[in-house]
Amino acid sequence: MTKILIDSDVILDFFLDRTPFSVDAAKIFSLSETKKIECYTTPLIISNVYYILCKIVKHEKAIDLIKSLLLIVDIVMIDKKVVIHALNSSFKDFEDALQNYSAELNSAIKIIITRNTKDYKYSLLSVLSPSDFLSADALYKG
């Protein structure tokens, strides 16, 4: 089964119905819900999503949305090893480096899904936009 890391932009596209991007985000979460793929995210992404949601909705609604997300998405670790890799990397954005190495060091995850693919140019994983991932060839690799 394909195992992917979902970046915060994709989650926010879905929660905030940011068209046209929300359509692909919804399809990805539907694939996870029906167990056709396994989706992961990081504690940092959850924190960032919560922060942005709270600018738009009340705390309780943000918490409910994140709880619903966690029914179909699992969490990968960000530990000392991940942080050291991120600090020693060529990534320009430390947060992206943390996301990347949390996925890379989890040998099961093969793909990062983000709309900011250029931010992951140093990744050893496949980094795809939601629309590219949803293409038949990308979906069934790995």
C-alpha atoms as a PDB file:
ATOM      1  CA  MET A   1       0.000   0.000   0.000  1.00  0.00           C
ATOM      2  CA  THR A   2       1.262   3.479  -0.856  1.00  0.00           C
ATOM      3  CA  LYS A   3       2.281   5.458   2.238  1.00  0.00           C
ATOM      4  CA  ILE A   4       2.460   9.221   1.965  1.00  0.00           C
ATOM      5  CA  LEU A   5       3.217  12.249   4.097  1.00  0.00           C
ATOM      6  CA  ILE A   6       0.665  15.036   3.689  1.00  0.00           C
ATOM      7  CA  ASP A   7       1.937  18.606   4.047  1.00  0.00           C
ATOM      8  CA  SER A   8      -0.058  21.319   5.804  1.00  0.00           C
ATOM      9  CA  ASP A   9      -1.065  23.110   2.598  1.00  0.00           C
ATOM     10  CA  VAL A  10      -3.020  20.053   1.428  1.00  0.00           C
ATOM     11  CA  ILE A  11      -4.773  19.677   4.786  1.00  0.00           C
ATOM     12  CA  LEU A  12      -5.678  23.363   4.824  1.00  0.00           C
ATOM     13  CA  ASP A  13      -6.908  23.201   1.225  1.00  0.00           C
ATOM     14  CA  PHE A  14      -9.360  20.544   2.363  1.00  0.00           C
ATOM     15  CA  PHE A  15     -10.449  22.151   5.653  1.00  0.00           C
ATOM     16  CA  LEU A  16     -10.774  25.665   4.226  1.00  0.00           C
ATOM     17  CA  ASP A  17     -12.222  24.549   0.881  1.00  0.00           C
ATOM     18  CA  ARG A  18      -9.559  26.468  -1.021  1.00  0.00           C
ATOM     19  CA  THR A  19     -10.723  25.882  -4.566  1.00  0.00           C
ATOM     20  CA  PRO A  20      -9.583  24.499  -6.916  1.00  0.00           C
ATOM     21  CA  PHE A  21      -7.071  22.706  -4.651  1.00  0.00           C
ATOM     22  CA  SER A  22      -9.678  21.342  -2.231  1.00  0.00           C
ATOM     23  CA  VAL A  23     -10.973  18.893  -4.847  1.00  0.00           C
ATOM     24  CA  ASP A  24      -7.673  16.982  -5.063  1.00  0.00           C
ATOM     25  CA  ALA A  25      -7.169  17.181  -1.299  1.00  0.00           C
ATOM     26  CA  ALA A  26     -10.602  15.630  -0.763  1.00  0.00           C
ATOM     27  CA  LYS A  27      -9.778  12.826  -3.214  1.00  0.00           C
ATOM     28  CA  ILE A  28      -6.568  12.035  -1.323  1.00  0.00           C
ATOM     29  CA  PHE A  29      -8.359  11.921   2.016  1.00  0.00           C
ATOM     30  CA  SER A  30     -11.053   9.737   0.470  1.00  0.00           C
ATOM     31  CA  LEU A  31      -8.370   7.276  -0.657  1.00  0.00           C
ATOM     32  CA  SER A  32      -7.056   7.210   2.898  1.00  0.00           C
ATOM     33  CA  GLU A  33     -10.517   6.753   4.367  1.00  0.00           C
ATOM     34  CA  THR A  34     -11.162   3.771   2.092  1.00  0.00           C
ATOM     35  CA  LYS A  35      -7.734   2.294   2.955  1.00  0.00           C
ATOM     36  CA  LYS A  36      -6.364   2.537  -0.575  1.00  0.00           C
ATOM     37  CA  ILE A  37      -3.422   4.581   0.720  1.00  0.00           C
ATOM     38  CA  GLU A  38      -1.981   5.329   4.149  1.00  0.00           C
ATOM     39  CA  CYS A  39      -1.593   8.994   5.011  1.00  0.00           C
ATOM     40  CA  TYR A  40       0.764  10.417   7.587  1.00  0.00           C
ATOM     41  CA  THR A  41       1.568  13.839   8.899  1.00  0.00           C
ATOM     42  CA  THR A  42       3.778  15.257  11.654  1.00  0.00           C
ATOM     43  CA  PRO A  43       3.033  16.884  15.006  1.00  0.00           C
ATOM     44  CA  LEU A  44       4.461  20.119  13.587  1.00  0.00           C
ATOM     45  CA  ILE A  45       2.024  20.059  10.676  1.00  0.00           C
ATOM     46  CA  ILE A  46      -0.855  19.459  13.096  1.00  0.00           C
ATOM     47  CA  SER A  47       0.305  22.420  15.176  1.00  0.00           C
ATOM     48  CA  ASN A  48       0.569  24.675  12.117  1.00  0.00           C
ATOM     49  CA  VAL A  49      -2.857  23.615  10.856  1.00  0.00           C
ATOM     50  CA  TYR A  50      -4.370  24.291  14.297  1.00  0.00           C
ATOM     51  CA  TYR A  51      -2.756  27.739  14.423  1.00  0.00           C
ATOM     52  CA  ILE A  52      -4.089  28.744  10.996  1.00  0.00           C
ATOM     53  CA  LEU A  53      -7.542  27.268  11.627  1.00  0.00           C
ATOM     54  CA  CYS A  54      -7.849  29.239  14.876  1.00  0.00           C
ATOM     55  CA  LYS A  55      -7.472  32.466  12.913  1.00  0.00           C
ATOM     56  CA  ILE A  56     -10.640  31.529  11.036  1.00  0.00           C
ATOM     57  CA  VAL A  57     -12.696  29.324  13.360  1.00  0.00           C
ATOM     58  CA  LYS A  58     -13.024  28.931  17.114  1.00  0.00           C
ATOM     59  CA  HIS A  59     -10.689  26.695  19.107  1.00  0.00           C
ATOM     60  CA  GLU A  60     -13.361  24.017  19.547  1.00  0.00           C
ATOM     61  CA  LYS A  61     -14.026  23.791  15.803  1.00  0.00           C
ATOM     62  CA  ALA A  62     -10.281  23.596  15.050  1.00  0.00           C
ATOM     63  CA  ILE A  63      -9.922  20.774  17.584  1.00  0.00           C
ATOM     64  CA  ASP A  64     -12.901  18.922  16.075  1.00  0.00           C
ATOM     65  CA  LEU A  65     -11.439  19.227  12.573  1.00  0.00           C
ATOM     66  CA  ILE A  66      -8.069  17.886  13.701  1.00  0.00           C
ATOM     67  CA  LYS A  67      -9.739  15.015  15.561  1.00  0.00           C
ATOM     68  CA  SER A  68     -11.615  14.089  12.387  1.00  0.00           C
ATOM     69  CA  LEU A  69      -8.355  14.223  10.426  1.00  0.00           C
ATOM     70  CA  LEU A  70      -6.683  11.859  12.865  1.00  0.00           C
ATOM     71  CA  LEU A  71      -9.314   9.221  12.128  1.00  0.00           C
ATOM     72  CA  ILE A  72      -7.747   8.748   8.677  1.00  0.00           C
ATOM     73  CA  VAL A  73      -4.202  10.098   9.087  1.00  0.00           C
ATOM     74  CA  ASP A  74      -1.437   8.775  11.329  1.00  0.00           C
ATOM     75  CA  ILE A  75       1.418  10.730  12.920  1.00  0.00           C
ATOM     76  CA  VAL A  76       5.136  10.173  12.302  1.00  0.00           C
ATOM     77  CA  MET A  77       7.758  11.044  14.855  1.00  0.00           C
ATOM     78  CA  ILE A  78       9.936  14.094  14.921  1.00  0.00           C
ATOM     79  CA  ASP A  79      12.728  13.036  17.235  1.00  0.00           C
ATOM     80  CA  LYS A  80      16.326  14.087  17.838  1.00  0.00           C
ATOM     81  CA  LYS A  81      17.568  12.127  14.812  1.00  0.00           C
ATOM     82  CA  VAL A  82      15.086  13.946  12.554  1.00  0.00           C
ATOM     83  CA  VAL A  83      16.087  17.328  13.990  1.00  0.00           C
ATOM     84  CA  ILE A  84      19.810  16.639  13.525  1.00  0.00           C
ATOM     85  CA  HIS A  85      19.267  15.577   9.910  1.00  0.00           C
ATOM     86  CA  ALA A  86      17.200  18.731   9.312  1.00  0.00           C
ATOM     87  CA  LEU A  87      19.847  20.964  10.896  1.00  0.00           C
ATOM     88  CA  ASN A  88      22.584  19.427   8.760  1.00  0.00           C
ATOM     89  CA  SER A  89      20.592  19.484   5.518  1.00  0.00           C
ATOM     90  CA  SER A  90      20.675  21.764   2.492  1.00  0.00           C
ATOM     91  CA  PHE A  91      17.007  22.679   2.942  1.00  0.00           C
ATOM     92  CA  LYS A  92      16.460  26.443   3.036  1.00  0.00           C
ATOM     93  CA  ASP A  93      13.367  26.068   5.238  1.00  0.00           C
ATOM     94  CA  PHE A  94      13.954  24.263   8.542  1.00  0.00           C
ATOM     95  CA  GLU A  95      10.292  23.332   8.883  1.00  0.00           C
ATOM     96  CA  ASP A  96      10.297  21.648   5.467  1.00  0.00           C
ATOM     97  CA  ALA A  97      13.487  19.834   6.439  1.00  0.00           C
ATOM     98  CA  LEU A  98      11.786  18.507   9.574  1.00  0.00           C
ATOM     99  CA  GLN A  99       8.834  17.280   7.496  1.00  0.00           C
ATOM    100  CA  ASN A 100      11.145  15.685   4.966  1.00  0.00           C
ATOM    101  CA  TYR A 101      13.335  13.815   7.418  1.00  0.00           C
ATOM    102  CA  SER A 102      10.403  12.649   9.518  1.00  0.00           C
ATOM    103  CA  ALA A 103       9.228  10.919   6.319  1.00  0.00           C
ATOM    104  CA  GLU A 104      12.637   9.833   4.995  1.00  0.00           C
ATOM    105  CA  LEU A 105      13.635   8.216   8.279  1.00  0.00           C
ATOM    106  CA  ASN A 106      10.337   6.334   8.342  1.00  0.00           C
ATOM    107  CA  SER A 107      11.260   3.736   5.748  1.00  0.00           C
ATOM    108  CA  ALA A 108       7.619   2.999   4.901  1.00  0.00           C
ATOM    109  CA  ILE A 109       6.841   6.484   3.557  1.00  0.00           C
ATOM    110  CA  LYS A 110       7.858   6.935  -0.077  1.00  0.00           C
ATOM    111  CA  ILE A 111       6.034  10.106  -1.144  1.00  0.00           C
ATOM    112  CA  ILE A 112       5.490  13.621   0.183  1.00  0.00           C
ATOM    113  CA  ILE A 113       2.332  15.351  -1.052  1.00  0.00           C
ATOM    114  CA  THR A 114       2.568  19.143  -1.126  1.00  0.00           C
ATOM    115  CA  ARG A 115       1.733  22.031  -3.399  1.00  0.00           C
ATOM    116  CA  ASN A 116       5.187  23.442  -2.605  1.00  0.00           C
ATOM    117  CA  THR A 117       7.215  20.755  -4.355  1.00  0.00           C
ATOM    118  CA  LYS A 118      10.119  23.133  -5.055  1.00  0.00           C
ATOM    119  CA  ASP A 119      10.700  23.436  -1.300  1.00  0.00           C
ATOM    120  CA  TYR A 120      11.640  19.740  -1.204  1.00  0.00           C
ATOM    121  CA  LYS A 121      14.222  19.687  -4.002  1.00  0.00           C
ATOM    122  CA  TYR A 122      16.772  18.029  -1.694  1.00  0.00           C
ATOM    123  CA  SER A 123      14.436  15.212  -0.678  1.00  0.00           C
ATOM    124  CA  LEU A 124      15.320  11.614  -1.478  1.00  0.00           C
ATOM    125  CA  LEU A 125      11.598  10.803  -1.606  1.00  0.00           C
ATOM    126  CA  SER A 126       9.164  11.402  -4.425  1.00  0.00           C
ATOM    127  CA  VAL A 127       7.622  14.818  -3.883  1.00  0.00           C
ATOM    128  CA  LEU A 128       4.383  15.322  -5.758  1.00  0.00           C
ATOM    129  CA  SER A 129       1.579  17.809  -5.972  1.00  0.00           C
ATOM    130  CA  PRO A 130      -1.830  16.401  -5.101  1.00  0.00           C
ATOM    131  CA  SER A 131      -2.861  16.386  -8.773  1.00  0.00           C
ATOM    132  CA  ASP A 132       0.316  14.583  -9.845  1.00  0.00           C
ATOM    133  CA  PHE A 133      -0.148  12.015  -7.097  1.00  0.00           C
ATOM    134  CA  LEU A 134      -3.688  11.333  -8.182  1.00  0.00           C
ATOM    135  CA  SER A 135      -2.546  10.371 -11.650  1.00  0.00           C
ATOM    136  CA  ALA A 136      -2.748   6.592 -12.050  1.00  0.00           C
ATOM    137  CA  ASP A 137       0.994   6.108 -12.511  1.00  0.00           C
ATOM    138  CA  ALA A 138       1.934   7.961  -9.332  1.00  0.00           C
ATOM    139  CA  LEU A 139      -0.766   6.428  -7.167  1.00  0.00           C
ATOM    140  CA  TYR A 140       0.351   2.840  -7.529  1.00  0.00           C
ATOM    141  CA  LYS A 141       4.121   3.300  -7.277  1.00  0.00           C
ATOM    142  CA  GLY A 142       5.870   2.218  -4.101  1.00  0.00           C
END
